[in-house]
């Protein structure tokens, strides 16, 4: 079973995505802050990180940078799940090593599940 770390500060959205991911067969741990997400990453093995950019403590770009600088976590794919759609932020995310960029407002939870599945399918092909 693939494990997903979800970092999303808005409780209803976090609970919705966690429930949908779990129902789709993933083991999902969900946290509200970047710091809690980074602590969880050190404590457990994850196959994917779904990361919001606007977080109450450290922003998602900083979390991504920390993940990619640590040899223990640098190979875990990180996908931004955010409502920030500005080109400069998207480019910065990819330049820091993000695997993907999903705009919450543009996708239903089902579409997000499909995106996650296709990321895992892409990994298995390579």
PDB file of N, CA and C in Angstrom:
ATOM      1  N   UNK A   1       0.847  -1.190   0.000  1.00  0.00           N
ATOM      2  CA  UNK A   1       0.000   0.000   0.000  1.00  0.00           C
ATOM      3  C   UNK A   1       0.892   1.253   0.000  1.00  0.00           C
ATOM      4  N   UNK A   2       0.560   2.168  -0.869  1.00  0.00           N
ATOM      5  CA  UNK A   2       1.360   3.389  -0.964  1.00  0.00           C
ATOM      6  C   UNK A   2       0.959   4.383   0.115  1.00  0.00           C
ATOM      7  N   UNK A   3       1.982   4.988   0.703  1.00  0.00           N
ATOM      8  CA  UNK A   3       1.747   5.949   1.789  1.00  0.00           C
ATOM      9  C   UNK A   3       1.900   7.365   1.274  1.00  0.00           C
ATOM     10  N   UNK A   4       0.951   8.196   1.663  1.00  0.00           N
ATOM     11  CA  UNK A   4       0.940   9.588   1.234  1.00  0.00           C
ATOM     12  C   UNK A   4       0.962  10.493   2.458  1.00  0.00           C
ATOM     13  N   UNK A   5       1.804  11.512   2.384  1.00  0.00           N
ATOM     14  CA  UNK A   5       1.825  12.557   3.394  1.00  0.00           C
ATOM     15  C   UNK A   5       1.110  13.764   2.810  1.00  0.00           C
ATOM     16  N   UNK A   6       0.050  14.198   3.472  1.00  0.00           N
ATOM     17  CA  UNK A   6      -0.737  15.341   3.036  1.00  0.00           C
ATOM     18  C   UNK A   6      -0.515  16.484   4.021  1.00  0.00           C
ATOM     19  N   UNK A   7      -0.059  17.640   3.521  1.00  0.00           N
ATOM     20  CA  UNK A   7       0.134  18.816   4.366  1.00  0.00           C
ATOM     21  C   UNK A   7      -0.797  19.909   3.851  1.00  0.00           C
ATOM     22  N   UNK A   8      -1.848  20.168   4.622  1.00  0.00           N
ATOM     23  CA  UNK A   8      -2.911  21.104   4.235  1.00  0.00           C
ATOM     24  C   UNK A   8      -3.445  21.745   5.513  1.00  0.00           C
ATOM     25  N   UNK A   9      -3.414  23.080   5.597  1.00  0.00           N
ATOM     26  CA  UNK A   9      -3.790  23.733   6.846  1.00  0.00           C
ATOM     27  C   UNK A   9      -5.289  23.888   7.055  1.00  0.00           C
ATOM     28  N   UNK A  10      -6.077  23.838   6.006  1.00  0.00           N
ATOM     29  CA  UNK A  10      -7.532  24.004   6.172  1.00  0.00           C
ATOM     30  C   UNK A  10      -8.172  22.667   6.533  1.00  0.00           C
ATOM     31  N   UNK A  11      -8.697  22.591   7.753  1.00  0.00           N
ATOM     32  CA  UNK A  11      -9.193  21.322   8.291  1.00  0.00           C
ATOM     33  C   UNK A  11     -10.222  20.629   7.392  1.00  0.00           C
ATOM     34  N   UNK A  12     -11.282  21.308   6.916  1.00  0.00           N
ATOM     35  CA  UNK A  12     -12.267  20.575   6.093  1.00  0.00           C
ATOM     36  C   UNK A  12     -11.645  20.004   4.806  1.00  0.00           C
ATOM     37  N   UNK A  13     -10.749  20.755   4.199  1.00  0.00           N
ATOM     38  CA  UNK A  13     -10.104  20.288   2.966  1.00  0.00           C
ATOM     39  C   UNK A  13      -9.167  19.124   3.279  1.00  0.00           C
ATOM     40  N   UNK A  14      -8.401  19.263   4.355  1.00  0.00           N
ATOM     41  CA  UNK A  14      -7.476  18.191   4.755  1.00  0.00           C
ATOM     42  C   UNK A  14      -8.245  16.899   5.027  1.00  0.00           C
ATOM     43  N   UNK A  15      -9.338  17.011   5.772  1.00  0.00           N
ATOM     44  CA  UNK A  15     -10.129  15.812   6.099  1.00  0.00           C
ATOM     45  C   UNK A  15     -10.765  15.205   4.854  1.00  0.00           C
ATOM     46  N   UNK A  16     -11.253  16.050   3.950  1.00  0.00           N
ATOM     47  CA  UNK A  16     -11.853  15.566   2.707  1.00  0.00           C
ATOM     48  C   UNK A  16     -10.831  14.793   1.872  1.00  0.00           C
ATOM     49  N   UNK A  17      -9.671  15.383   1.636  1.00  0.00           N
ATOM     50  CA  UNK A  17      -8.657  14.706   0.809  1.00  0.00           C
ATOM     51  C   UNK A  17      -8.150  13.439   1.480  1.00  0.00           C
ATOM     52  N   UNK A  18      -7.943  13.492   2.794  1.00  0.00           N
ATOM     53  CA  UNK A  18      -7.477  12.290   3.504  1.00  0.00           C
ATOM     54  C   UNK A  18      -8.495  11.162   3.337  1.00  0.00           C
ATOM     55  N   UNK A  19      -9.768  11.477   3.542  1.00  0.00           N
ATOM     56  CA  UNK A  19     -10.818  10.455   3.416  1.00  0.00           C
ATOM     57  C   UNK A  19     -10.843   9.884   1.993  1.00  0.00           C
ATOM     58  N   UNK A  20     -10.799  10.751   0.996  1.00  0.00           N
ATOM     59  CA  UNK A  20     -10.848  10.294  -0.395  1.00  0.00           C
ATOM     60  C   UNK A  20      -9.622   9.453  -0.756  1.00  0.00           C
ATOM     61  N   UNK A  21      -8.446   9.871  -0.303  1.00  0.00           N
ATOM     62  CA  UNK A  21      -7.221   9.107  -0.577  1.00  0.00           C
ATOM     63  C   UNK A  21      -7.279   7.744   0.109  1.00  0.00           C
ATOM     64  N   UNK A  22      -7.737   7.724   1.359  1.00  0.00           N
ATOM     65  CA  UNK A  22      -7.858   6.454   2.085  1.00  0.00           C
ATOM     66  C   UNK A  22      -8.854   5.526   1.385  1.00  0.00           C
ATOM     67  N   UNK A  23      -9.987   6.080   0.947  1.00  0.00           N
ATOM     68  CA  UNK A  23     -10.997   5.274   0.247  1.00  0.00           C
ATOM     69  C   UNK A  23     -10.454   4.726  -1.072  1.00  0.00           C
ATOM     70  N   UNK A  24      -9.516   5.452  -1.669  1.00  0.00           N
ATOM     71  CA  UNK A  24      -8.922   5.009  -2.937  1.00  0.00           C
ATOM     72  C   UNK A  24      -7.828   3.966  -2.709  1.00  0.00           C
ATOM     73  N   UNK A  25      -7.570   3.623  -1.449  1.00  0.00           N
ATOM     74  CA  UNK A  25      -6.621   2.550  -1.166  1.00  0.00           C
ATOM     75  C   UNK A  25      -5.237   3.002  -0.746  1.00  0.00           C
ATOM     76  N   UNK A  26      -5.078   4.283  -0.475  1.00  0.00           N
ATOM     77  CA  UNK A  26      -3.790   4.781  -0.008  1.00  0.00           C
ATOM     78  C   UNK A  26      -3.797   4.880   1.516  1.00  0.00           C
ATOM     79  N   UNK A  27      -2.622   4.800   2.114  1.00  0.00           N
ATOM     80  CA  UNK A  27      -2.482   5.064   3.547  1.00  0.00           C
ATOM     81  C   UNK A  27      -2.048   6.517   3.663  1.00  0.00           C
ATOM     82  N   UNK A  28      -2.897   7.348   4.236  1.00  0.00           N
ATOM     83  CA  UNK A  28      -2.648   8.786   4.229  1.00  0.00           C
ATOM     84  C   UNK A  28      -2.494   9.332   5.641  1.00  0.00           C
ATOM     85  N   UNK A  29      -1.416  10.073   5.856  1.00  0.00           N
ATOM     86  CA  UNK A  29      -1.238  10.828   7.096  1.00  0.00           C
ATOM     87  C   UNK A  29      -1.384  12.293   6.727  1.00  0.00           C
ATOM     88  N   UNK A  30      -2.141  13.030   7.516  1.00  0.00           N
ATOM     89  CA  UNK A  30      -2.424  14.424   7.175  1.00  0.00           C
ATOM     90  C   UNK A  30      -2.048  15.345   8.331  1.00  0.00           C
ATOM     91  N   UNK A  31      -1.401  16.446   7.976  1.00  0.00           N
ATOM     92  CA  UNK A  31      -0.948  17.416   8.969  1.00  0.00           C
ATOM     93  C   UNK A  31      -1.287  18.827   8.516  1.00  0.00           C
ATOM     94  N   UNK A  32      -1.384  19.736   9.503  1.00  0.00           N
ATOM     95  CA  UNK A  32      -1.825  21.100   9.211  1.00  0.00           C
ATOM     96  C   UNK A  32      -0.676  22.081   9.020  1.00  0.00           C
ATOM     97  N   UNK A  33       0.539  21.696   9.420  1.00  0.00           N
ATOM     98  CA  UNK A  33       1.660  22.637   9.314  1.00  0.00           C
ATOM     99  C   UNK A  33       2.844  21.989   8.605  1.00  0.00           C
ATOM    100  N   UNK A  34       3.664  22.840   8.030  1.00  0.00           N
ATOM    101  CA  UNK A  34       4.876  22.360   7.374  1.00  0.00           C
ATOM    102  C   UNK A  34       5.802  21.649   8.342  1.00  0.00           C
ATOM    103  N   UNK A  35       5.935  22.209   9.544  1.00  0.00           N
ATOM    104  CA  UNK A  35       6.823  21.595  10.541  1.00  0.00           C
ATOM    105  C   UNK A  35       6.353  20.195  10.914  1.00  0.00           C
ATOM    106  N   UNK A  36       5.035  20.035  11.139  1.00  0.00           N
ATOM    107  CA  UNK A  36       4.510  18.708  11.480  1.00  0.00           C
ATOM    108  C   UNK A  36       4.725  17.733  10.329  1.00  0.00           C
ATOM    109  N   UNK A  37       4.562  18.216   9.099  1.00  0.00           N
ATOM    110  CA  UNK A  37       4.807  17.369   7.933  1.00  0.00           C
ATOM    111  C   UNK A  37       6.245  16.909   7.862  1.00  0.00           C
ATOM    112  N   UNK A  38       7.179  17.814   8.131  1.00  0.00           N
ATOM    113  CA  UNK A  38       8.604  17.451   8.090  1.00  0.00           C
ATOM    114  C   UNK A  38       8.955  16.459   9.202  1.00  0.00           C
ATOM    115  N   UNK A  39       8.354  16.640  10.378  1.00  0.00           N
ATOM    116  CA  UNK A  39       8.575  15.684  11.476  1.00  0.00           C
ATOM    117  C   UNK A  39       8.068  14.296  11.063  1.00  0.00           C
ATOM    118  N   UNK A  40       6.879  14.271  10.464  1.00  0.00           N
ATOM    119  CA  UNK A  40       6.304  12.992  10.022  1.00  0.00           C
ATOM    120  C   UNK A  40       7.198  12.320   8.972  1.00  0.00           C
ATOM    121  N   UNK A  41       7.768  13.123   8.080  1.00  0.00           N
ATOM    122  CA  UNK A  41       8.652  12.576   7.038  1.00  0.00           C
ATOM    123  C   UNK A  41       9.872  11.888   7.635  1.00  0.00           C
ATOM    124  N   UNK A  42      10.351  12.406   8.745  1.00  0.00           N
ATOM    125  CA  UNK A  42      11.513  11.792   9.402  1.00  0.00           C
ATOM    126  C   UNK A  42      11.120  10.511  10.134  1.00  0.00           C
ATOM    127  N   UNK A  43       9.850  10.435  10.543  1.00  0.00           N
ATOM    128  CA  UNK A  43       9.402   9.316  11.365  1.00  0.00           C
ATOM    129  C   UNK A  43       8.901   8.120  10.552  1.00  0.00           C
ATOM    130  N   UNK A  44       8.511   8.340   9.308  1.00  0.00           N
ATOM    131  CA  UNK A  44       7.910   7.252   8.522  1.00  0.00           C
ATOM    132  C   UNK A  44       8.340   7.361   7.061  1.00  0.00           C
ATOM    133  N   UNK A  45       8.145   6.280   6.345  1.00  0.00           N
ATOM    134  CA  UNK A  45       8.452   6.239   4.909  1.00  0.00           C
ATOM    135  C   UNK A  45       7.204   6.623   4.113  1.00  0.00           C
ATOM    136  N   UNK A  46       7.347   7.559   3.196  1.00  0.00           N
ATOM    137  CA  UNK A  46       6.229   7.958   2.346  1.00  0.00           C
ATOM    138  C   UNK A  46       6.609   7.782   0.883  1.00  0.00           C
ATOM    139  N   UNK A  47       5.585   7.515   0.067  1.00  0.00           N
ATOM    140  CA  UNK A  47       5.783   7.348  -1.371  1.00  0.00           C
ATOM    141  C   UNK A  47       5.480   8.629  -2.139  1.00  0.00           C
ATOM    142  N   UNK A  48       4.758   9.562  -1.485  1.00  0.00           N
ATOM    143  CA  UNK A  48       4.365  10.803  -2.140  1.00  0.00           C
ATOM    144  C   UNK A  48       4.014  11.837  -1.078  1.00  0.00           C
ATOM    145  N   UNK A  49       4.342  13.107  -1.363  1.00  0.00           N
ATOM    146  CA  UNK A  49       3.936  14.209  -0.492  1.00  0.00           C
ATOM    147  C   UNK A  49       3.015  15.122  -1.296  1.00  0.00           C
ATOM    148  N   UNK A  50       1.808  15.369  -0.767  1.00  0.00           N
ATOM    149  CA  UNK A  50       0.891  16.362  -1.326  1.00  0.00           C
ATOM    150  C   UNK A  50       0.988  17.577  -0.412  1.00  0.00           C
ATOM    151  N   UNK A  51       1.390  18.700  -0.968  1.00  0.00           N
ATOM    152  CA  UNK A  51       1.805  19.823  -0.156  1.00  0.00           C
ATOM    153  C   UNK A  51       1.117  21.121  -0.568  1.00  0.00           C
ATOM    154  N   UNK A  52       0.457  21.750   0.392  1.00  0.00           N
ATOM    155  CA  UNK A  52      -0.101  23.081   0.158  1.00  0.00           C
ATOM    156  C   UNK A  52       1.050  24.088   0.220  1.00  0.00           C
ATOM    157  N   UNK A  53       0.905  25.220  -0.420  1.00  0.00           N
ATOM    158  CA  UNK A  53       1.955  26.243  -0.355  1.00  0.00           C
ATOM    159  C   UNK A  53       1.697  27.209   0.798  1.00  0.00           C
ATOM    160  N   UNK A  54       0.447  27.638   0.935  1.00  0.00           N
ATOM    161  CA  UNK A  54       0.109  28.586   2.000  1.00  0.00           C
ATOM    162  C   UNK A  54      -0.148  27.822   3.299  1.00  0.00           C
ATOM    163  N   UNK A  55       0.851  27.831   4.173  1.00  0.00           N
ATOM    164  CA  UNK A  55       0.753  27.136   5.453  1.00  0.00           C
ATOM    165  C   UNK A  55       0.996  28.141   6.576  1.00  0.00           C
ATOM    166  N   UNK A  56       0.512  27.840   7.791  1.00  0.00           N
ATOM    167  CA  UNK A  56       0.601  28.834   8.865  1.00  0.00           C
ATOM    168  C   UNK A  56       2.020  29.072   9.400  1.00  0.00           C
ATOM    169  N   UNK A  57       2.919  28.122   9.222  1.00  0.00           N
ATOM    170  CA  UNK A  57       4.258  28.304   9.781  1.00  0.00           C
ATOM    171  C   UNK A  57       5.277  28.552   8.668  1.00  0.00           C
ATOM    172  N   UNK A  58       5.815  27.495   8.096  1.00  0.00           N
ATOM    173  CA  UNK A  58       6.739  27.654   6.971  1.00  0.00           C
ATOM    174  C   UNK A  58       5.971  27.325   5.693  1.00  0.00           C
ATOM    175  N   UNK A  59       6.232  28.044   4.618  1.00  0.00           N
ATOM    176  CA  UNK A  59       5.430  27.806   3.416  1.00  0.00           C
ATOM    177  C   UNK A  59       5.878  26.547   2.688  1.00  0.00           C
ATOM    178  N   UNK A  60       5.028  26.082   1.789  1.00  0.00           N
ATOM    179  CA  UNK A  60       5.277  24.837   1.084  1.00  0.00           C
ATOM    180  C   UNK A  60       6.560  24.841   0.268  1.00  0.00           C
ATOM    181  N   UNK A  61       6.940  25.986  -0.267  1.00  0.00           N
ATOM    182  CA  UNK A  61       8.198  26.059  -1.019  1.00  0.00           C
ATOM    183  C   UNK A  61       9.383  25.766  -0.107  1.00  0.00           C
ATOM    184  N   UNK A  62       9.337  26.275   1.116  1.00  0.00           N
ATOM    185  CA  UNK A  62      10.408  26.003   2.082  1.00  0.00           C
ATOM    186  C   UNK A  62      10.398  24.535   2.508  1.00  0.00           C
ATOM    187  N   UNK A  63       9.201  23.972   2.679  1.00  0.00           N
ATOM    188  CA  UNK A  63       9.095  22.554   3.030  1.00  0.00           C
ATOM    189  C   UNK A  63       9.714  21.710   1.905  1.00  0.00           C
ATOM    190  N   UNK A  64       9.368  22.033   0.660  1.00  0.00           N
ATOM    191  CA  UNK A  64       9.921  21.308  -0.487  1.00  0.00           C
ATOM    192  C   UNK A  64      11.445  21.404  -0.500  1.00  0.00           C
ATOM    193  N   UNK A  65      11.967  22.589  -0.276  1.00  0.00           N
ATOM    194  CA  UNK A  65      13.409  22.790  -0.263  1.00  0.00           C
ATOM    195  C   UNK A  65      14.064  21.892   0.791  1.00  0.00           C
ATOM    196  N   UNK A  66      13.469  21.836   1.975  1.00  0.00           N
ATOM    197  CA  UNK A  66      13.992  21.012   3.065  1.00  0.00           C
ATOM    198  C   UNK A  66      13.965  19.534   2.676  1.00  0.00           C
ATOM    199  N   UNK A  67      12.868  19.091   2.069  1.00  0.00           N
ATOM    200  CA  UNK A  67      12.741  17.690   1.645  1.00  0.00           C
ATOM    201  C   UNK A  67      13.831  17.348   0.636  1.00  0.00           C
ATOM    202  N   UNK A  68      14.037  18.218  -0.346  1.00  0.00           N
ATOM    203  CA  UNK A  68      14.988  17.936  -1.423  1.00  0.00           C
ATOM    204  C   UNK A  68      16.444  18.053  -0.974  1.00  0.00           C
ATOM    205  N   UNK A  69      16.700  18.759   0.125  1.00  0.00           N
ATOM    206  CA  UNK A  69      18.078  18.897   0.619  1.00  0.00           C
ATOM    207  C   UNK A  69      18.491  17.747   1.534  1.00  0.00           C
ATOM    208  N   UNK A  70      17.537  16.926   1.948  1.00  0.00           N
ATOM    209  CA  UNK A  70      17.820  15.821   2.859  1.00  0.00           C
ATOM    210  C   UNK A  70      17.942  14.536   2.046  1.00  0.00           C
ATOM    211  N   UNK A  71      19.106  13.882   2.156  1.00  0.00           N
ATOM    212  CA  UNK A  71      19.330  12.685   1.345  1.00  0.00           C
ATOM    213  C   UNK A  71      18.328  11.570   1.669  1.00  0.00           C
ATOM    214  N   UNK A  72      17.770  11.573   2.872  1.00  0.00           N
ATOM    215  CA  UNK A  72      16.798  10.538   3.250  1.00  0.00           C
ATOM    216  C   UNK A  72      15.442  10.746   2.582  1.00  0.00           C
ATOM    217  N   UNK A  73      15.136  11.996   2.166  1.00  0.00           N
ATOM    218  CA  UNK A  73      13.808  12.278   1.623  1.00  0.00           C
ATOM    219  C   UNK A  73      13.837  12.857   0.212  1.00  0.00           C
ATOM    220  N   UNK A  74      15.009  13.138  -0.323  1.00  0.00           N
ATOM    221  CA  UNK A  74      15.086  13.884  -1.586  1.00  0.00           C
ATOM    222  C   UNK A  74      14.460  13.162  -2.773  1.00  0.00           C
ATOM    223  N   UNK A  75      14.312  11.837  -2.707  1.00  0.00           N
ATOM    224  CA  UNK A  75      13.736  11.101  -3.839  1.00  0.00           C
ATOM    225  C   UNK A  75      12.230  10.906  -3.743  1.00  0.00           C
ATOM    226  N   UNK A  76      11.615  11.397  -2.683  1.00  0.00           N
ATOM    227  CA  UNK A  76      10.156  11.283  -2.543  1.00  0.00           C
ATOM    228  C   UNK A  76       9.516  12.341  -3.445  1.00  0.00           C
ATOM    229  N   UNK A  77       8.607  11.929  -4.336  1.00  0.00           N
ATOM    230  CA  UNK A  77       7.952  12.932  -5.173  1.00  0.00           C
ATOM    231  C   UNK A  77       7.064  13.855  -4.344  1.00  0.00           C
ATOM    232  N   UNK A  78       7.141  15.141  -4.662  1.00  0.00           N
ATOM    233  CA  UNK A  78       6.328  16.154  -3.979  1.00  0.00           C
ATOM    234  C   UNK A  78       5.449  16.825  -5.029  1.00  0.00           C
ATOM    235  N   UNK A  79       4.150  16.850  -4.746  1.00  0.00           N
ATOM    236  CA  UNK A  79       3.202  17.499  -5.645  1.00  0.00           C
ATOM    237  C   UNK A  79       2.513  18.603  -4.858  1.00  0.00           C
ATOM    238  N   UNK A  80       2.540  19.810  -5.411  1.00  0.00           N
ATOM    239  CA  UNK A  80       1.829  20.906  -4.761  1.00  0.00           C
ATOM    240  C   UNK A  80       0.341  20.747  -5.007  1.00  0.00           C
ATOM    241  N   UNK A  81      -0.423  20.942  -3.949  1.00  0.00           N
ATOM    242  CA  UNK A  81      -1.879  20.916  -4.000  1.00  0.00           C
ATOM    243  C   UNK A  81      -2.313  22.243  -3.384  1.00  0.00           C
ATOM    244  N   UNK A  82      -2.584  23.218  -4.238  1.00  0.00           N
ATOM    245  CA  UNK A  82      -2.721  24.586  -3.758  1.00  0.00           C
ATOM    246  C   UNK A  82      -3.710  25.359  -4.610  1.00  0.00           C
ATOM    247  N   UNK A  83      -4.071  26.533  -4.152  1.00  0.00           N
ATOM    248  CA  UNK A  83      -4.874  27.427  -4.985  1.00  0.00           C
ATOM    249  C   UNK A  83      -4.033  28.561  -5.558  1.00  0.00           C
ATOM    250  N   UNK A  84      -2.746  28.564  -5.248  1.00  0.00           N
ATOM    251  CA  UNK A  84      -1.856  29.573  -5.813  1.00  0.00           C
ATOM    252  C   UNK A  84      -1.483  29.158  -7.223  1.00  0.00           C
ATOM    253  N   UNK A  85      -1.955  29.901  -8.201  1.00  0.00           N
ATOM    254  CA  UNK A  85      -1.702  29.518  -9.581  1.00  0.00           C
ATOM    255  C   UNK A  85      -0.813  30.478 -10.338  1.00  0.00           C
ATOM    256  N   UNK A  86      -0.128  31.373  -9.629  1.00  0.00           N
ATOM    257  CA  UNK A  86       0.721  32.335 -10.315  1.00  0.00           C
ATOM    258  C   UNK A  86       1.911  31.622 -10.958  1.00  0.00           C
ATOM    259  N   UNK A  87       2.215  32.015 -12.194  1.00  0.00           N
ATOM    260  CA  UNK A  87       3.293  31.371 -12.935  1.00  0.00           C
ATOM    261  C   UNK A  87       4.622  31.376 -12.196  1.00  0.00           C
ATOM    262  N   UNK A  88       4.960  32.502 -11.552  1.00  0.00           N
ATOM    263  CA  UNK A  88       6.270  32.567 -10.897  1.00  0.00           C
ATOM    264  C   UNK A  88       6.358  31.569  -9.741  1.00  0.00           C
ATOM    265  N   UNK A  89       5.259  31.367  -9.018  1.00  0.00           N
ATOM    266  CA  UNK A  89       5.269  30.403  -7.914  1.00  0.00           C
ATOM    267  C   UNK A  89       5.341  28.980  -8.464  1.00  0.00           C
ATOM    268  N   UNK A  90       4.602  28.709  -9.535  1.00  0.00           N
ATOM    269  CA  UNK A  90       4.640  27.385 -10.166  1.00  0.00           C
ATOM    270  C   UNK A  90       6.063  27.092 -10.645  1.00  0.00           C
ATOM    271  N   UNK A  91       6.674  28.061 -11.331  1.00  0.00           N
ATOM    272  CA  UNK A  91       8.051  27.866 -11.831  1.00  0.00           C
ATOM    273  C   UNK A  91       9.014  27.625 -10.683  1.00  0.00           C
ATOM    274  N   UNK A  92       8.866  28.393  -9.607  1.00  0.00           N
ATOM    275  CA  UNK A  92       9.754  28.215  -8.444  1.00  0.00           C
ATOM    276  C   UNK A  92       9.580  26.809  -7.865  1.00  0.00           C
ATOM    277  N   UNK A  93       8.332  26.356  -7.764  1.00  0.00           N
ATOM    278  CA  UNK A  93       8.080  25.012  -7.251  1.00  0.00           C
ATOM    279  C   UNK A  93       8.773  23.947  -8.078  1.00  0.00           C
ATOM    280  N   UNK A  94       8.661  24.048  -9.399  1.00  0.00           N
ATOM    281  CA  UNK A  94       9.313  23.065 -10.259  1.00  0.00           C
ATOM    282  C   UNK A  94      10.835  23.191 -10.188  1.00  0.00           C
ATOM    283  N   UNK A  95      11.339  24.418 -10.085  1.00  0.00           N
ATOM    284  CA  UNK A  95      12.799  24.591 -10.018  1.00  0.00           C
ATOM    285  C   UNK A  95      13.356  24.002  -8.720  1.00  0.00           C
ATOM    286  N   UNK A  96      12.541  23.962  -7.669  1.00  0.00           N
ATOM    287  CA  UNK A  96      12.971  23.369  -6.397  1.00  0.00           C
ATOM    288  C   UNK A  96      12.807  21.845  -6.383  1.00  0.00           C
ATOM    289  N   UNK A  97      12.153  21.301  -7.412  1.00  0.00           N
ATOM    290  CA  UNK A  97      12.058  19.847  -7.500  1.00  0.00           C
ATOM    291  C   UNK A  97      10.664  19.264  -7.378  1.00  0.00           C
ATOM    292  N   UNK A  98       9.634  20.086  -7.454  1.00  0.00           N
ATOM    293  CA  UNK A  98       8.268  19.542  -7.381  1.00  0.00           C
ATOM    294  C   UNK A  98       8.009  18.639  -8.584  1.00  0.00           C
ATOM    295  N   UNK A  99       7.282  17.581  -8.331  1.00  0.00           N
ATOM    296  CA  UNK A  99       6.918  16.613  -9.368  1.00  0.00           C
ATOM    297  C   UNK A  99       5.679  17.066 -10.143  1.00  0.00           C
ATOM    298  N   UNK A 100       4.816  17.826  -9.457  1.00  0.00           N
ATOM    299  CA  UNK A 100       3.577  18.250 -10.082  1.00  0.00           C
ATOM    300  C   UNK A 100       2.975  19.427  -9.341  1.00  0.00           C
ATOM    301  N   UNK A 101       1.915  19.966  -9.939  1.00  0.00           N
ATOM    302  CA  UNK A 101       1.300  21.170  -9.385  1.00  0.00           C
ATOM    303  C   UNK A 101      -0.189  21.096  -9.679  1.00  0.00           C
ATOM    304  N   UNK A 102      -0.991  20.847  -8.650  1.00  0.00           N
ATOM    305  CA  UNK A 102      -2.439  20.708  -8.816  1.00  0.00           C
ATOM    306  C   UNK A 102      -3.137  21.906  -8.175  1.00  0.00           C
ATOM    307  N   UNK A 103      -4.034  22.526  -8.920  1.00  0.00           N
ATOM    308  CA  UNK A 103      -4.796  23.658  -8.401  1.00  0.00           C
ATOM    309  C   UNK A 103      -6.102  23.116  -7.802  1.00  0.00           C
ATOM    310  N   UNK A 104      -6.252  23.257  -6.484  1.00  0.00           N
ATOM    311  CA  UNK A 104      -7.417  22.703  -5.779  1.00  0.00           C
ATOM    312  C   UNK A 104      -8.730  23.164  -6.383  1.00  0.00           C
ATOM    313  N   UNK A 105      -8.842  24.455  -6.666  1.00  0.00           N
ATOM    314  CA  UNK A 105     -10.108  25.009  -7.139  1.00  0.00           C
ATOM    315  C   UNK A 105     -10.499  24.476  -8.515  1.00  0.00           C
ATOM    316  N   UNK A 106      -9.514  23.986  -9.278  1.00  0.00           N
ATOM    317  CA  UNK A 106      -9.785  23.539 -10.645  1.00  0.00           C
ATOM    318  C   UNK A 106     -10.087  22.046 -10.723  1.00  0.00           C
ATOM    319  N   UNK A 107      -9.901  21.331  -9.610  1.00  0.00           N
ATOM    320  CA  UNK A 107     -10.037  19.875  -9.637  1.00  0.00           C
ATOM    321  C   UNK A 107     -10.986  19.385  -8.547  1.00  0.00           C
ATOM    322  N   UNK A 108     -11.780  18.378  -8.865  1.00  0.00           N
ATOM    323  CA  UNK A 108     -12.597  17.727  -7.844  1.00  0.00           C
ATOM    324  C   UNK A 108     -11.697  16.764  -7.072  1.00  0.00           C
ATOM    325  N   UNK A 109     -12.119  16.342  -5.877  1.00  0.00           N
ATOM    326  CA  UNK A 109     -11.316  15.337  -5.165  1.00  0.00           C
ATOM    327  C   UNK A 109     -11.074  14.083  -6.015  1.00  0.00           C
ATOM    328  N   UNK A 110     -12.071  13.659  -6.795  1.00  0.00           N
ATOM    329  CA  UNK A 110     -11.886  12.488  -7.663  1.00  0.00           C
ATOM    330  C   UNK A 110     -10.775  12.718  -8.681  1.00  0.00           C
ATOM    331  N   UNK A 111     -10.728  13.928  -9.249  1.00  0.00           N
ATOM    332  CA  UNK A 111      -9.677  14.231 -10.220  1.00  0.00           C
ATOM    333  C   UNK A 111      -8.307  14.241  -9.550  1.00  0.00           C
ATOM    334  N   UNK A 112      -8.252  14.697  -8.312  1.00  0.00           N
ATOM    335  CA  UNK A 112      -6.980  14.692  -7.585  1.00  0.00           C
ATOM    336  C   UNK A 112      -6.537  13.252  -7.334  1.00  0.00           C
ATOM    337  N   UNK A 113      -7.472  12.375  -6.974  1.00  0.00           N
ATOM    338  CA  UNK A 113      -7.144  10.957  -6.787  1.00  0.00           C
ATOM    339  C   UNK A 113      -6.587  10.380  -8.094  1.00  0.00           C
ATOM    340  N   UNK A 114      -7.213  10.706  -9.214  1.00  0.00           N
ATOM    341  CA  UNK A 114      -6.731  10.223 -10.517  1.00  0.00           C
ATOM    342  C   UNK A 114      -5.318  10.723 -10.796  1.00  0.00           C
ATOM    343  N   UNK A 115      -5.046  11.974 -10.464  1.00  0.00           N
ATOM    344  CA  UNK A 115      -3.696  12.528 -10.650  1.00  0.00           C
ATOM    345  C   UNK A 115      -2.684  11.764  -9.797  1.00  0.00           C
ATOM    346  N   UNK A 116      -3.042  11.487  -8.552  1.00  0.00           N
ATOM    347  CA  UNK A 116      -2.148  10.744  -7.657  1.00  0.00           C
ATOM    348  C   UNK A 116      -1.892   9.355  -8.221  1.00  0.00           C
ATOM    349  N   UNK A 117      -2.949   8.685  -8.665  1.00  0.00           N
ATOM    350  CA  UNK A 117      -2.785   7.348  -9.249  1.00  0.00           C
ATOM    351  C   UNK A 117      -1.879   7.387 -10.472  1.00  0.00           C
ATOM    352  N   UNK A 118      -2.046   8.407 -11.315  1.00  0.00           N
ATOM    353  CA  UNK A 118      -1.225   8.462 -12.525  1.00  0.00           C
ATOM    354  C   UNK A 118       0.239   8.760 -12.169  1.00  0.00           C
ATOM    355  N   UNK A 119       0.480   9.491 -11.098  1.00  0.00           N
ATOM    356  CA  UNK A 119       1.866   9.712 -10.651  1.00  0.00           C
ATOM    357  C   UNK A 119       2.483   8.376 -10.259  1.00  0.00           C
ATOM    358  N   UNK A 120       1.743   7.560  -9.491  1.00  0.00           N
ATOM    359  CA  UNK A 120       2.273   6.259  -9.086  1.00  0.00           C
ATOM    360  C   UNK A 120       2.448   5.328 -10.287  1.00  0.00           C
ATOM    361  N   UNK A 121       1.512   5.368 -11.229  1.00  0.00           N
ATOM    362  CA  UNK A 121       1.649   4.525 -12.424  1.00  0.00           C
ATOM    363  C   UNK A 121       2.870   4.938 -13.242  1.00  0.00           C
ATOM    364  N   UNK A 122       3.098   6.240 -13.333  1.00  0.00           N
ATOM    365  CA  UNK A 122       4.273   6.744 -14.045  1.00  0.00           C
ATOM    366  C   UNK A 122       5.564   6.288 -13.394  1.00  0.00           C
ATOM    367  N   UNK A 123       5.571   6.236 -12.055  1.00  0.00           N
ATOM    368  CA  UNK A 123       6.758   5.793 -11.321  1.00  0.00           C
ATOM    369  C   UNK A 123       7.040   4.311 -11.588  1.00  0.00           C
ATOM    370  N   UNK A 124       5.974   3.514 -11.691  1.00  0.00           N
ATOM    371  CA  UNK A 124       6.171   2.078 -11.901  1.00  0.00           C
ATOM    372  C   UNK A 124       6.704   1.781 -13.293  1.00  0.00           C
ATOM    373  N   UNK A 125       6.366   2.632 -14.268  1.00  0.00           N
ATOM    374  CA  UNK A 125       6.834   2.414 -15.630  1.00  0.00           C
ATOM    375  C   UNK A 125       8.315   2.701 -15.785  1.00  0.00           C
ATOM    376  N   UNK A 126       8.804   3.634 -14.985  1.00  0.00           N
ATOM    377  CA  UNK A 126      10.196   4.040 -15.174  1.00  0.00           C
ATOM    378  C   UNK A 126      11.180   3.057 -14.573  1.00  0.00           C
TER     379      UNK A 126
END
